Amino acid sequence: MNRLEFLKILATAGIGVPLLSSFGSMPKEKVIYNNFPIVTDEFEVFNEALYQIMKKDKFGHVSHYYKDGSFLEMGKDKNEFIHRFYPSNSYFCSAKEFYPSNGYIKQKGIAYVRGFGKGLWYDFDEKGHLIKTTDYDAPFTFSFEDILAYCRAHRIEVTKGYQRIGFHNEIHRFVNADGSCYWTIEHLKRDDLIEVIYLDGKTGKEIKREDIEYINN
């Protein structure tokens, strides 16, 4: 399975649930993100020189922590080459996929570290030509900045940086076939219970909540 699939979640089933409550309007504030990764629409190639000097596991996968707390993932197989970089103390990472035939860029963009593609994503053909630009923010007038405000108001921690062990709160967003959209916030309500909160992607109104049993292995 494509290792970037978690960044491309687009739901096709609608939610036929009435609105139960509203987050209400909160004052907008300008959010300045720490260590926001930069991704452009420029052509690039897989950094083979960097890959060769990095320590790898038995599968040829690079998992490297830098002294400042940032984290690098690189990998190569017959289907894809990948490069993901998680800046220290950042909500976001850069995610890049390359063609294994020539190392040319195939797709790249920015993602929240525990959930979804953000902003502009760029797709390239095998010759390195930009063929598509997708704005994953476009359907959502209730933005990630609004989600941060919602989480602060409800005392829900929003994960930063690369996380490997244990449960960490997750945020996802989905677009339905009819053009409607919604967010989900998954957080640990109790040691044995995950609460999933569904919010309308345009208004921020709460759609529903559901509990999922959590077993910590």
N, C-alpha and C. Protein backbone atom coordinates (compact mmCIF):
# COMPACT_ATOMS: atom_id res chain seq x y z
N MET A 1 0.85 -1.19 0.00
CA MET A 1 0.00 0.00 0.00
C MET A 1 0.88 1.24 0.00
N ASN A 2 0.46 2.24 -0.75
CA ASN A 2 1.22 3.47 -0.86
C ASN A 2 1.41 4.09 0.52
N ARG A 3 2.63 4.42 0.86
CA ARG A 3 2.92 4.90 2.20
C ARG A 3 2.49 6.33 2.41
N LEU A 4 2.00 6.98 1.37
CA LEU A 4 1.46 8.34 1.52
C LEU A 4 -0.06 8.34 1.54
N GLU A 5 -0.68 7.16 1.62
CA GLU A 5 -2.13 7.10 1.55
C GLU A 5 -2.80 7.89 2.69
N PHE A 6 -2.15 7.92 3.85
CA PHE A 6 -2.76 8.61 4.98
C PHE A 6 -2.89 10.11 4.72
N LEU A 7 -2.20 10.61 3.72
CA LEU A 7 -2.26 12.03 3.41
C LEU A 7 -3.34 12.36 2.37
N LYS A 8 -4.00 11.33 1.82
CA LYS A 8 -4.91 11.56 0.70
C LYS A 8 -6.32 11.07 1.01
N ILE A 9 -6.71 11.07 2.30
CA ILE A 9 -7.99 10.51 2.67
C ILE A 9 -9.11 11.42 2.18
N LEU A 10 -9.93 10.89 1.31
CA LEU A 10 -11.10 11.62 0.83
C LEU A 10 -12.29 10.68 0.93
N ALA A 11 -13.20 10.95 1.86
CA ALA A 11 -14.32 10.04 2.06
C ALA A 11 -15.34 10.19 0.94
N THR A 12 -16.02 9.09 0.64
CA THR A 12 -17.04 9.09 -0.40
C THR A 12 -18.44 8.92 0.16
N ALA A 13 -18.57 8.57 1.43
CA ALA A 13 -19.89 8.36 2.02
C ALA A 13 -20.29 9.58 2.83
N GLY A 14 -21.53 10.04 2.69
CA GLY A 14 -22.03 11.19 3.43
C GLY A 14 -22.41 10.80 4.85
N ILE A 15 -22.66 11.79 5.69
CA ILE A 15 -23.09 11.56 7.06
C ILE A 15 -24.49 12.12 7.21
N GLY A 16 -25.46 11.24 7.31
CA GLY A 16 -26.84 11.69 7.42
C GLY A 16 -27.25 11.87 8.86
N VAL A 17 -26.57 12.74 9.57
CA VAL A 17 -26.83 12.94 10.99
C VAL A 17 -27.16 14.40 11.23
N PRO A 18 -28.23 14.72 11.96
CA PRO A 18 -28.57 16.11 12.20
C PRO A 18 -27.54 16.81 13.06
N LEU A 19 -27.44 18.13 12.90
CA LEU A 19 -26.52 18.90 13.72
C LEU A 19 -27.01 18.92 15.15
N LEU A 20 -26.10 18.64 16.07
CA LEU A 20 -26.48 18.53 17.47
C LEU A 20 -26.17 19.79 18.26
N SER A 21 -25.07 20.41 17.94
CA SER A 21 -24.69 21.61 18.66
C SER A 21 -23.74 22.41 17.80
N SER A 22 -23.40 23.58 18.24
CA SER A 22 -22.53 24.44 17.44
C SER A 22 -21.33 24.85 18.27
N PHE A 23 -20.18 24.86 17.60
CA PHE A 23 -18.98 25.39 18.24
C PHE A 23 -19.13 26.88 18.49
N GLY A 24 -19.93 27.53 17.65
CA GLY A 24 -20.12 28.96 17.79
C GLY A 24 -18.99 29.73 17.17
N SER A 25 -19.14 31.02 17.11
CA SER A 25 -18.12 31.86 16.49
C SER A 25 -17.09 32.27 17.52
N MET A 26 -15.84 32.10 17.16
CA MET A 26 -14.74 32.51 18.03
C MET A 26 -13.92 33.54 17.29
N PRO A 27 -13.33 34.46 17.99
CA PRO A 27 -12.54 35.49 17.31
C PRO A 27 -11.39 34.87 16.55
N LYS A 28 -11.16 35.35 15.33
CA LYS A 28 -10.05 34.86 14.52
C LYS A 28 -8.74 35.44 15.03
N GLU A 29 -7.72 34.64 15.00
CA GLU A 29 -6.41 35.15 15.36
C GLU A 29 -5.40 34.62 14.35
N LYS A 30 -4.41 35.43 14.06
CA LYS A 30 -3.40 35.00 13.12
C LYS A 30 -2.51 33.96 13.77
N VAL A 31 -2.37 32.84 13.10
CA VAL A 31 -1.56 31.75 13.64
C VAL A 31 -0.21 31.75 12.95
N ILE A 32 0.84 31.80 13.73
CA ILE A 32 2.19 31.70 13.20
C ILE A 32 2.73 30.34 13.61
N TYR A 33 2.94 29.48 12.62
CA TYR A 33 3.37 28.11 12.90
C TYR A 33 4.87 28.04 13.10
N ASN A 34 5.27 27.27 14.10
CA ASN A 34 6.68 27.02 14.31
C ASN A 34 7.19 26.04 13.26
N ASN A 35 8.32 26.36 12.64
CA ASN A 35 9.01 25.42 11.76
C ASN A 35 8.11 24.86 10.67
N PHE A 36 7.37 25.72 10.01
CA PHE A 36 6.46 25.27 8.95
C PHE A 36 7.29 24.82 7.74
N PRO A 37 7.12 23.58 7.29
CA PRO A 37 7.93 23.12 6.15
C PRO A 37 7.54 23.84 4.85
N ILE A 38 8.50 23.98 3.96
CA ILE A 38 8.27 24.66 2.69
C ILE A 38 8.27 23.64 1.56
N VAL A 39 7.21 23.65 0.76
CA VAL A 39 7.13 22.80 -0.43
C VAL A 39 6.68 23.68 -1.59
N THR A 40 7.39 23.62 -2.72
CA THR A 40 7.06 24.42 -3.90
C THR A 40 6.68 23.50 -5.06
N ASP A 41 6.28 24.10 -6.17
CA ASP A 41 5.92 23.33 -7.37
C ASP A 41 7.11 23.07 -8.28
N GLU A 42 8.31 23.29 -7.77
CA GLU A 42 9.50 23.09 -8.59
C GLU A 42 9.85 21.61 -8.74
N PHE A 43 10.41 21.29 -9.88
CA PHE A 43 10.91 19.94 -10.14
C PHE A 43 12.06 19.61 -9.20
N GLU A 44 12.15 18.35 -8.76
CA GLU A 44 13.28 17.91 -7.96
C GLU A 44 13.45 16.40 -8.12
N VAL A 45 14.57 15.90 -7.63
CA VAL A 45 14.85 14.47 -7.72
C VAL A 45 15.13 13.94 -6.31
N PHE A 46 14.96 12.64 -6.17
CA PHE A 46 15.24 11.97 -4.90
C PHE A 46 16.70 12.19 -4.52
N ASN A 47 16.93 12.52 -3.25
CA ASN A 47 18.28 12.82 -2.78
C ASN A 47 19.03 11.52 -2.50
N GLU A 48 19.57 10.96 -3.56
CA GLU A 48 20.26 9.67 -3.46
C GLU A 48 21.52 9.78 -2.60
N ALA A 49 22.22 10.88 -2.71
CA ALA A 49 23.45 11.05 -1.93
C ALA A 49 23.15 11.03 -0.43
N LEU A 50 22.09 11.71 -0.02
CA LEU A 50 21.70 11.70 1.39
C LEU A 50 21.26 10.31 1.81
N TYR A 51 20.49 9.67 0.98
CA TYR A 51 20.00 8.32 1.30
C TYR A 51 21.16 7.36 1.53
N GLN A 52 22.18 7.45 0.71
CA GLN A 52 23.30 6.50 0.79
C GLN A 52 24.10 6.65 2.08
N ILE A 53 24.20 7.86 2.60
CA ILE A 53 25.04 8.04 3.80
C ILE A 53 24.27 7.80 5.10
N MET A 54 22.93 7.65 5.02
CA MET A 54 22.14 7.48 6.24
C MET A 54 22.08 6.02 6.67
N LYS A 55 21.98 5.79 7.97
CA LYS A 55 21.81 4.44 8.50
C LYS A 55 20.42 3.93 8.13
N LYS A 56 20.35 2.64 7.72
CA LYS A 56 19.09 2.07 7.27
C LYS A 56 18.78 0.78 8.03
N ASP A 57 17.49 0.44 8.09
CA ASP A 57 17.11 -0.85 8.66
C ASP A 57 17.23 -1.95 7.60
N LYS A 58 16.82 -3.16 7.94
CA LYS A 58 17.00 -4.28 7.01
C LYS A 58 16.15 -4.15 5.75
N PHE A 59 15.17 -3.26 5.80
CA PHE A 59 14.32 -3.03 4.64
C PHE A 59 14.81 -1.85 3.79
N GLY A 60 15.92 -1.25 4.18
CA GLY A 60 16.45 -0.10 3.45
C GLY A 60 15.74 1.19 3.80
N HIS A 61 15.09 1.23 4.97
CA HIS A 61 14.32 2.41 5.37
C HIS A 61 15.14 3.25 6.34
N VAL A 62 15.13 4.56 6.10
CA VAL A 62 15.85 5.51 6.96
C VAL A 62 14.88 6.11 7.97
N SER A 63 15.25 6.06 9.24
CA SER A 63 14.49 6.72 10.31
C SER A 63 15.52 7.42 11.19
N HIS A 64 15.62 8.73 11.03
CA HIS A 64 16.73 9.46 11.65
C HIS A 64 16.24 10.68 12.42
N TYR A 65 16.60 10.73 13.71
CA TYR A 65 16.34 11.91 14.54
C TYR A 65 17.56 12.83 14.51
N TYR A 66 17.31 14.12 14.29
CA TYR A 66 18.37 15.11 14.37
C TYR A 66 18.44 15.68 15.79
N LYS A 67 19.53 16.34 16.09
CA LYS A 67 19.73 16.85 17.44
C LYS A 67 18.68 17.88 17.85
N ASP A 68 18.11 18.59 16.87
CA ASP A 68 17.11 19.61 17.21
C ASP A 68 15.72 19.03 17.40
N GLY A 69 15.58 17.70 17.28
CA GLY A 69 14.29 17.06 17.49
C GLY A 69 13.52 16.78 16.21
N SER A 70 14.01 17.27 15.07
CA SER A 70 13.34 16.98 13.80
C SER A 70 13.63 15.52 13.41
N PHE A 71 12.83 15.03 12.45
CA PHE A 71 12.89 13.60 12.11
C PHE A 71 12.80 13.43 10.61
N LEU A 72 13.61 12.51 10.07
CA LEU A 72 13.64 12.24 8.64
C LEU A 72 13.29 10.79 8.37
N GLU A 73 12.41 10.58 7.39
CA GLU A 73 12.11 9.25 6.88
C GLU A 73 12.44 9.21 5.39
N MET A 74 13.14 8.17 4.96
CA MET A 74 13.39 7.94 3.55
C MET A 74 13.25 6.45 3.27
N GLY A 75 12.83 6.11 2.08
CA GLY A 75 12.70 4.71 1.73
C GLY A 75 12.64 4.51 0.24
N LYS A 76 13.03 3.29 -0.18
CA LYS A 76 13.03 2.94 -1.60
C LYS A 76 12.49 1.52 -1.75
N ASP A 77 11.57 1.34 -2.68
CA ASP A 77 11.18 0.00 -3.10
C ASP A 77 10.81 0.05 -4.58
N LYS A 78 10.32 -1.05 -5.12
CA LYS A 78 10.07 -1.11 -6.56
C LYS A 78 8.92 -0.22 -7.00
N ASN A 79 8.08 0.20 -6.05
CA ASN A 79 6.91 1.01 -6.40
C ASN A 79 7.11 2.50 -6.20
N GLU A 80 7.97 2.88 -5.27
CA GLU A 80 8.10 4.29 -4.95
C GLU A 80 9.35 4.55 -4.14
N PHE A 81 9.83 5.78 -4.21
CA PHE A 81 10.82 6.32 -3.29
C PHE A 81 10.10 7.37 -2.46
N ILE A 82 10.37 7.43 -1.17
CA ILE A 82 9.69 8.41 -0.33
C ILE A 82 10.69 9.24 0.47
N HIS A 83 10.24 10.44 0.81
CA HIS A 83 11.02 11.35 1.65
C HIS A 83 10.02 12.14 2.48
N ARG A 84 10.10 11.99 3.80
CA ARG A 84 9.23 12.76 4.69
C ARG A 84 10.10 13.40 5.76
N PHE A 85 9.85 14.68 6.00
CA PHE A 85 10.63 15.42 6.99
C PHE A 85 9.69 16.09 7.97
N TYR A 86 9.92 15.84 9.25
CA TYR A 86 9.11 16.39 10.33
C TYR A 86 9.94 17.40 11.12
N PRO A 87 9.74 18.69 10.91
CA PRO A 87 10.48 19.67 11.70
C PRO A 87 10.15 19.54 13.19
N SER A 88 11.08 19.93 14.01
CA SER A 88 10.88 19.87 15.46
C SER A 88 9.72 20.77 15.89
N ASN A 89 8.87 20.25 16.77
CA ASN A 89 7.80 21.04 17.39
C ASN A 89 6.89 21.70 16.35
N SER A 90 6.58 20.98 15.29
CA SER A 90 5.73 21.52 14.23
C SER A 90 4.49 20.66 14.07
N TYR A 91 3.38 21.29 13.70
CA TYR A 91 2.16 20.55 13.40
C TYR A 91 2.27 19.80 12.07
N PHE A 92 3.23 20.16 11.23
CA PHE A 92 3.23 19.71 9.85
C PHE A 92 4.55 19.04 9.45
N CYS A 93 4.45 18.21 8.41
CA CYS A 93 5.62 17.61 7.81
C CYS A 93 5.55 17.80 6.30
N SER A 94 6.69 17.68 5.64
CA SER A 94 6.69 17.65 4.17
C SER A 94 6.71 16.20 3.73
N ALA A 95 5.94 15.88 2.70
CA ALA A 95 5.83 14.51 2.21
C ALA A 95 6.07 14.50 0.71
N LYS A 96 7.00 13.67 0.27
CA LYS A 96 7.35 13.62 -1.14
C LYS A 96 7.46 12.17 -1.60
N GLU A 97 6.94 11.92 -2.80
CA GLU A 97 7.03 10.60 -3.42
C GLU A 97 7.70 10.77 -4.78
N PHE A 98 8.59 9.81 -5.12
CA PHE A 98 9.36 9.90 -6.35
C PHE A 98 9.18 8.63 -7.19
N TYR A 99 9.33 8.80 -8.50
CA TYR A 99 9.26 7.64 -9.39
C TYR A 99 10.51 6.78 -9.21
N PRO A 100 10.36 5.47 -9.00
CA PRO A 100 11.55 4.62 -8.83
C PRO A 100 12.33 4.42 -10.12
N SER A 101 11.72 4.69 -11.27
CA SER A 101 12.40 4.48 -12.55
C SER A 101 13.53 5.47 -12.78
N ASN A 102 13.36 6.71 -12.29
CA ASN A 102 14.39 7.73 -12.53
C ASN A 102 14.62 8.66 -11.34
N GLY A 103 13.87 8.47 -10.26
CA GLY A 103 14.04 9.32 -9.09
C GLY A 103 13.41 10.67 -9.20
N TYR A 104 12.65 10.92 -10.28
CA TYR A 104 11.99 12.22 -10.46
C TYR A 104 10.80 12.34 -9.51
N ILE A 105 10.51 13.57 -9.12
CA ILE A 105 9.39 13.82 -8.21
C ILE A 105 8.07 13.36 -8.85
N LYS A 106 7.23 12.70 -8.05
CA LYS A 106 5.91 12.25 -8.50
C LYS A 106 4.81 13.07 -7.84
N GLN A 107 4.93 13.27 -6.54
CA GLN A 107 3.93 14.03 -5.79
C GLN A 107 4.58 14.61 -4.55
N LYS A 108 4.14 15.82 -4.15
CA LYS A 108 4.66 16.40 -2.91
C LYS A 108 3.67 17.41 -2.36
N GLY A 109 3.77 17.58 -1.03
CA GLY A 109 2.90 18.53 -0.35
C GLY A 109 3.20 18.55 1.13
N ILE A 110 2.35 19.25 1.86
CA ILE A 110 2.49 19.39 3.31
C ILE A 110 1.32 18.67 3.98
N ALA A 111 1.59 18.04 5.10
CA ALA A 111 0.55 17.31 5.81
C ALA A 111 0.62 17.58 7.30
N TYR A 112 -0.54 17.53 7.96
CA TYR A 112 -0.54 17.51 9.42
C TYR A 112 0.09 16.19 9.86
N VAL A 113 0.89 16.22 10.92
CA VAL A 113 1.68 15.05 11.30
C VAL A 113 0.83 13.84 11.70
N ARG A 114 -0.43 14.06 12.09
CA ARG A 114 -1.29 12.94 12.48
C ARG A 114 -2.59 12.95 11.69
N GLY A 115 -2.52 13.21 10.36
CA GLY A 115 -3.79 13.10 9.69
C GLY A 115 -3.97 13.46 8.23
N PHE A 116 -3.79 14.67 7.79
CA PHE A 116 -4.37 15.09 6.51
C PHE A 116 -3.42 15.97 5.70
N GLY A 117 -3.67 15.99 4.38
CA GLY A 117 -2.94 16.89 3.50
C GLY A 117 -3.42 18.31 3.68
N LYS A 118 -2.48 19.27 3.69
CA LYS A 118 -2.82 20.68 3.89
C LYS A 118 -2.32 21.51 2.72
N GLY A 119 -3.14 22.48 2.31
CA GLY A 119 -2.70 23.43 1.29
C GLY A 119 -2.54 22.79 -0.07
N LEU A 120 -1.57 23.29 -0.84
CA LEU A 120 -1.38 22.85 -2.21
C LEU A 120 -0.51 21.60 -2.29
N TRP A 121 -1.00 20.62 -3.06
CA TRP A 121 -0.23 19.42 -3.38
C TRP A 121 0.03 19.39 -4.87
N TYR A 122 1.20 18.91 -5.26
CA TYR A 122 1.64 18.96 -6.65
C TYR A 122 1.91 17.56 -7.17
N ASP A 123 1.36 17.27 -8.36
CA ASP A 123 1.58 15.98 -9.02
C ASP A 123 2.36 16.21 -10.33
N PHE A 124 3.29 15.29 -10.60
CA PHE A 124 4.16 15.40 -11.78
C PHE A 124 4.10 14.11 -12.58
N ASP A 125 4.31 14.23 -13.89
CA ASP A 125 4.41 13.02 -14.70
C ASP A 125 5.85 12.49 -14.62
N GLU A 126 6.08 11.36 -15.28
CA GLU A 126 7.37 10.69 -15.14
C GLU A 126 8.51 11.44 -15.81
N LYS A 127 8.16 12.43 -16.64
CA LYS A 127 9.19 13.25 -17.26
C LYS A 127 9.51 14.50 -16.44
N GLY A 128 8.81 14.66 -15.32
CA GLY A 128 9.08 15.78 -14.43
C GLY A 128 8.22 17.00 -14.67
N HIS A 129 7.17 16.88 -15.50
CA HIS A 129 6.29 18.01 -15.77
C HIS A 129 5.16 18.07 -14.75
N LEU A 130 4.91 19.26 -14.23
CA LEU A 130 3.79 19.46 -13.32
C LEU A 130 2.49 19.26 -14.08
N ILE A 131 1.63 18.32 -13.61
CA ILE A 131 0.40 18.01 -14.32
C ILE A 131 -0.86 18.34 -13.52
N LYS A 132 -0.72 18.51 -12.22
CA LYS A 132 -1.92 18.80 -11.42
C LYS A 132 -1.54 19.49 -10.13
N THR A 133 -2.34 20.46 -9.73
CA THR A 133 -2.22 21.10 -8.41
C THR A 133 -3.55 20.98 -7.70
N THR A 134 -3.53 20.47 -6.49
CA THR A 134 -4.76 20.27 -5.71
C THR A 134 -4.68 21.08 -4.43
N ASP A 135 -5.70 21.85 -4.15
CA ASP A 135 -5.78 22.62 -2.91
C ASP A 135 -6.67 21.88 -1.93
N TYR A 136 -6.08 21.20 -0.97
CA TYR A 136 -6.84 20.41 -0.01
C TYR A 136 -7.54 21.27 1.04
N ASP A 137 -7.19 22.56 1.11
CA ASP A 137 -7.87 23.47 2.04
C ASP A 137 -9.18 24.01 1.46
N ALA A 138 -9.30 23.97 0.12
CA ALA A 138 -10.37 24.71 -0.57
C ALA A 138 -11.78 24.43 -0.06
N PRO A 139 -12.19 23.19 0.17
CA PRO A 139 -13.58 22.97 0.59
C PRO A 139 -13.89 23.42 2.02
N PHE A 140 -12.86 23.69 2.81
CA PHE A 140 -13.04 23.88 4.25
C PHE A 140 -12.97 25.35 4.64
N THR A 141 -14.13 25.96 4.86
CA THR A 141 -14.14 27.33 5.38
C THR A 141 -13.93 27.33 6.90
N PHE A 142 -14.24 26.22 7.55
CA PHE A 142 -13.84 26.02 8.94
C PHE A 142 -12.46 25.39 8.88
N SER A 143 -11.45 26.20 9.17
CA SER A 143 -10.07 25.86 8.84
C SER A 143 -9.36 25.11 9.97
N PHE A 144 -8.13 24.71 9.69
CA PHE A 144 -7.32 24.08 10.72
C PHE A 144 -7.06 25.04 11.87
N GLU A 145 -6.95 26.32 11.56
CA GLU A 145 -6.78 27.32 12.62
C GLU A 145 -8.01 27.34 13.54
N ASP A 146 -9.20 27.16 12.95
CA ASP A 146 -10.42 27.05 13.76
C ASP A 146 -10.41 25.77 14.59
N ILE A 147 -9.89 24.70 14.01
CA ILE A 147 -9.77 23.44 14.76
C ILE A 147 -8.85 23.61 15.97
N LEU A 148 -7.75 24.33 15.78
CA LEU A 148 -6.85 24.58 16.90
C LEU A 148 -7.57 25.35 18.02
N ALA A 149 -8.35 26.36 17.63
CA ALA A 149 -9.11 27.13 18.62
C ALA A 149 -10.13 26.24 19.33
N TYR A 150 -10.78 25.38 18.57
CA TYR A 150 -11.76 24.45 19.15
C TYR A 150 -11.07 23.53 20.17
N CYS A 151 -9.93 23.00 19.79
CA CYS A 151 -9.21 22.09 20.69
C CYS A 151 -8.73 22.80 21.95
N ARG A 152 -8.27 24.03 21.80
CA ARG A 152 -7.87 24.79 22.99
C ARG A 152 -9.06 25.00 23.92
N ALA A 153 -10.20 25.34 23.34
CA ALA A 153 -11.40 25.61 24.14
C ALA A 153 -11.88 24.35 24.85
N HIS A 154 -11.63 23.18 24.26
CA HIS A 154 -12.10 21.92 24.84
C HIS A 154 -10.96 21.12 25.48
N ARG A 155 -9.81 21.76 25.63
CA ARG A 155 -8.66 21.16 26.30
C ARG A 155 -8.25 19.84 25.67
N ILE A 156 -8.20 19.83 24.36
CA ILE A 156 -7.75 18.67 23.60
C ILE A 156 -6.37 18.97 23.05
N GLU A 157 -5.41 18.14 23.37
CA GLU A 157 -4.04 18.36 22.90
C GLU A 157 -3.95 18.09 21.40
N VAL A 158 -3.25 18.96 20.68
CA VAL A 158 -3.01 18.77 19.26
C VAL A 158 -1.54 18.37 19.08
N THR A 159 -1.34 17.20 18.52
CA THR A 159 -0.01 16.62 18.43
C THR A 159 0.91 17.44 17.53
N LYS A 160 2.16 17.56 17.97
CA LYS A 160 3.21 18.19 17.16
C LYS A 160 4.36 17.22 16.98
N GLY A 161 5.08 17.37 15.87
CA GLY A 161 6.28 16.58 15.64
C GLY A 161 6.00 15.11 15.36
N TYR A 162 7.06 14.39 15.04
CA TYR A 162 6.93 12.96 14.74
C TYR A 162 6.68 12.18 16.02
N GLN A 163 5.71 11.29 15.99
CA GLN A 163 5.37 10.48 17.15
C GLN A 163 5.34 9.02 16.73
N ARG A 164 5.99 8.17 17.50
CA ARG A 164 6.12 6.77 17.09
C ARG A 164 5.44 5.82 18.06
N ILE A 165 5.48 6.09 19.34
CA ILE A 165 5.04 5.13 20.35
C ILE A 165 3.81 5.66 21.07
N GLY A 166 2.86 4.75 21.35
CA GLY A 166 1.69 5.11 22.13
C GLY A 166 0.61 5.79 21.32
N PHE A 167 -0.50 6.10 21.98
CA PHE A 167 -1.61 6.77 21.31
C PHE A 167 -1.36 8.28 21.28
N HIS A 168 -1.64 8.88 20.14
CA HIS A 168 -1.55 10.33 20.00
C HIS A 168 -2.81 10.82 19.29
N ASN A 169 -3.33 11.93 19.76
CA ASN A 169 -4.56 12.47 19.17
C ASN A 169 -4.37 12.70 17.67
N GLU A 170 -5.45 12.47 16.93
CA GLU A 170 -5.40 12.58 15.48
C GLU A 170 -6.50 13.52 14.98
N ILE A 171 -6.20 14.20 13.88
CA ILE A 171 -7.18 15.06 13.21
C ILE A 171 -7.22 14.66 11.74
N HIS A 172 -8.41 14.41 11.24
CA HIS A 172 -8.59 14.06 9.83
C HIS A 172 -9.67 14.94 9.23
N ARG A 173 -9.70 15.01 7.91
CA ARG A 173 -10.79 15.71 7.26
C ARG A 173 -11.17 14.98 5.97
N PHE A 174 -12.45 15.09 5.61
CA PHE A 174 -13.02 14.28 4.54
C PHE A 174 -13.92 15.14 3.67
N VAL A 175 -13.96 14.81 2.40
CA VAL A 175 -14.88 15.45 1.46
C VAL A 175 -15.81 14.39 0.91
N ASN A 176 -17.11 14.61 1.03
CA ASN A 176 -18.11 13.68 0.54
C ASN A 176 -18.35 13.86 -0.95
N ALA A 177 -19.01 12.88 -1.55
CA ALA A 177 -19.29 12.92 -2.99
C ALA A 177 -20.16 14.12 -3.37
N ASP A 178 -20.99 14.59 -2.44
CA ASP A 178 -21.88 15.72 -2.74
C ASP A 178 -21.22 17.08 -2.51
N GLY A 179 -19.93 17.08 -2.15
CA GLY A 179 -19.21 18.33 -1.93
C GLY A 179 -19.18 18.80 -0.49
N SER A 180 -20.01 18.21 0.36
CA SER A 180 -19.96 18.56 1.78
C SER A 180 -18.67 17.99 2.39
N CYS A 181 -18.28 18.53 3.52
CA CYS A 181 -17.02 18.10 4.11
C CYS A 181 -17.10 18.15 5.62
N TYR A 182 -16.21 17.45 6.27
CA TYR A 182 -16.22 17.42 7.73
C TYR A 182 -14.84 17.06 8.28
N TRP A 183 -14.65 17.43 9.54
CA TRP A 183 -13.44 17.10 10.29
C TRP A 183 -13.76 16.00 11.30
N THR A 184 -12.74 15.23 11.66
CA THR A 184 -12.84 14.36 12.84
C THR A 184 -11.65 14.64 13.75
N ILE A 185 -11.93 14.68 15.04
CA ILE A 185 -10.89 14.83 16.06
C ILE A 185 -10.96 13.59 16.94
N GLU A 186 -9.89 12.84 16.99
CA GLU A 186 -9.84 11.62 17.79
C GLU A 186 -8.91 11.87 18.98
N HIS A 187 -9.46 11.79 20.17
CA HIS A 187 -8.62 12.02 21.35
C HIS A 187 -8.95 11.01 22.44
N LEU A 188 -8.01 10.83 23.35
CA LEU A 188 -8.16 9.86 24.43
C LEU A 188 -9.01 10.46 25.54
N LYS A 189 -10.24 10.00 25.63
CA LYS A 189 -11.18 10.50 26.63
C LYS A 189 -10.88 9.89 27.99
N ARG A 190 -10.58 8.61 28.00
CA ARG A 190 -10.11 7.90 29.18
C ARG A 190 -9.00 6.97 28.74
N ASP A 191 -8.37 6.30 29.70
CA ASP A 191 -7.29 5.39 29.35
C ASP A 191 -7.76 4.27 28.43
N ASP A 192 -9.06 3.96 28.49
CA ASP A 192 -9.58 2.84 27.70
C ASP A 192 -10.62 3.29 26.67
N LEU A 193 -10.68 4.61 26.38
CA LEU A 193 -11.74 5.10 25.51
C LEU A 193 -11.27 6.26 24.63
N ILE A 194 -11.48 6.11 23.33
CA ILE A 194 -11.21 7.19 22.38
C ILE A 194 -12.53 7.85 22.01
N GLU A 195 -12.58 9.16 22.08
CA GLU A 195 -13.75 9.90 21.62
C GLU A 195 -13.45 10.50 20.25
N VAL A 196 -14.38 10.32 19.32
CA VAL A 196 -14.26 10.91 17.98
C VAL A 196 -15.32 12.00 17.85
N ILE A 197 -14.88 13.21 17.57
CA ILE A 197 -15.79 14.36 17.41
C ILE A 197 -15.84 14.71 15.93
N TYR A 198 -17.06 14.82 15.39
CA TYR A 198 -17.27 15.17 13.99
C TYR A 198 -17.75 16.63 13.92
N LEU A 199 -17.04 17.44 13.12
CA LEU A 199 -17.40 18.85 12.96
C LEU A 199 -17.62 19.15 11.48
N ASP A 200 -18.65 19.93 11.19
CA ASP A 200 -18.91 20.35 9.82
C ASP A 200 -17.73 21.16 9.29
N GLY A 201 -17.27 20.85 8.08
CA GLY A 201 -16.09 21.50 7.53
C GLY A 201 -16.30 22.92 7.06
N LYS A 202 -17.55 23.34 6.97
CA LYS A 202 -17.84 24.70 6.52
C LYS A 202 -18.30 25.61 7.67
N THR A 203 -19.03 25.04 8.63
CA THR A 203 -19.59 25.85 9.71
C THR A 203 -18.93 25.61 11.07
N GLY A 204 -18.29 24.45 11.23
CA GLY A 204 -17.72 24.10 12.53
C GLY A 204 -18.74 23.53 13.50
N LYS A 205 -19.99 23.38 13.05
CA LYS A 205 -21.01 22.82 13.94
C LYS A 205 -20.72 21.35 14.22
N GLU A 206 -21.01 20.96 15.45
CA GLU A 206 -20.80 19.57 15.83
C GLU A 206 -21.86 18.69 15.18
N ILE A 207 -21.42 17.63 14.51
CA ILE A 207 -22.33 16.70 13.86
C ILE A 207 -22.69 15.56 14.80
N LYS A 208 -21.68 14.96 15.40
CA LYS A 208 -21.92 13.88 16.36
C LYS A 208 -20.63 13.58 17.11
N ARG A 209 -20.77 12.77 18.15
CA ARG A 209 -19.63 12.22 18.87
C ARG A 209 -19.83 10.72 18.99
N GLU A 210 -18.73 9.99 18.98
CA GLU A 210 -18.83 8.55 19.20
C GLU A 210 -17.62 8.09 20.00
N ASP A 211 -17.82 7.04 20.77
CA ASP A 211 -16.76 6.47 21.60
C ASP A 211 -16.29 5.15 21.00
N ILE A 212 -14.97 4.93 21.05
CA ILE A 212 -14.37 3.71 20.54
C ILE A 212 -13.49 3.12 21.65
N GLU A 213 -13.66 1.85 21.92
CA GLU A 213 -12.85 1.21 22.94
C GLU A 213 -11.38 1.23 22.53
N TYR A 214 -10.53 1.53 23.50
CA TYR A 214 -9.09 1.58 23.23
C TYR A 214 -8.38 0.61 24.17
N ILE A 215 -7.61 -0.28 23.59
CA ILE A 215 -6.82 -1.23 24.37
C ILE A 215 -5.36 -0.90 24.17
N ASN A 216 -4.70 -0.50 25.21
CA ASN A 216 -3.30 -0.12 25.15
C ASN A 216 -2.43 -1.36 25.31
N ASN A 217 -1.84 -1.76 24.19
CA ASN A 217 -0.96 -2.93 24.23
C ASN A 217 0.46 -2.55 24.61
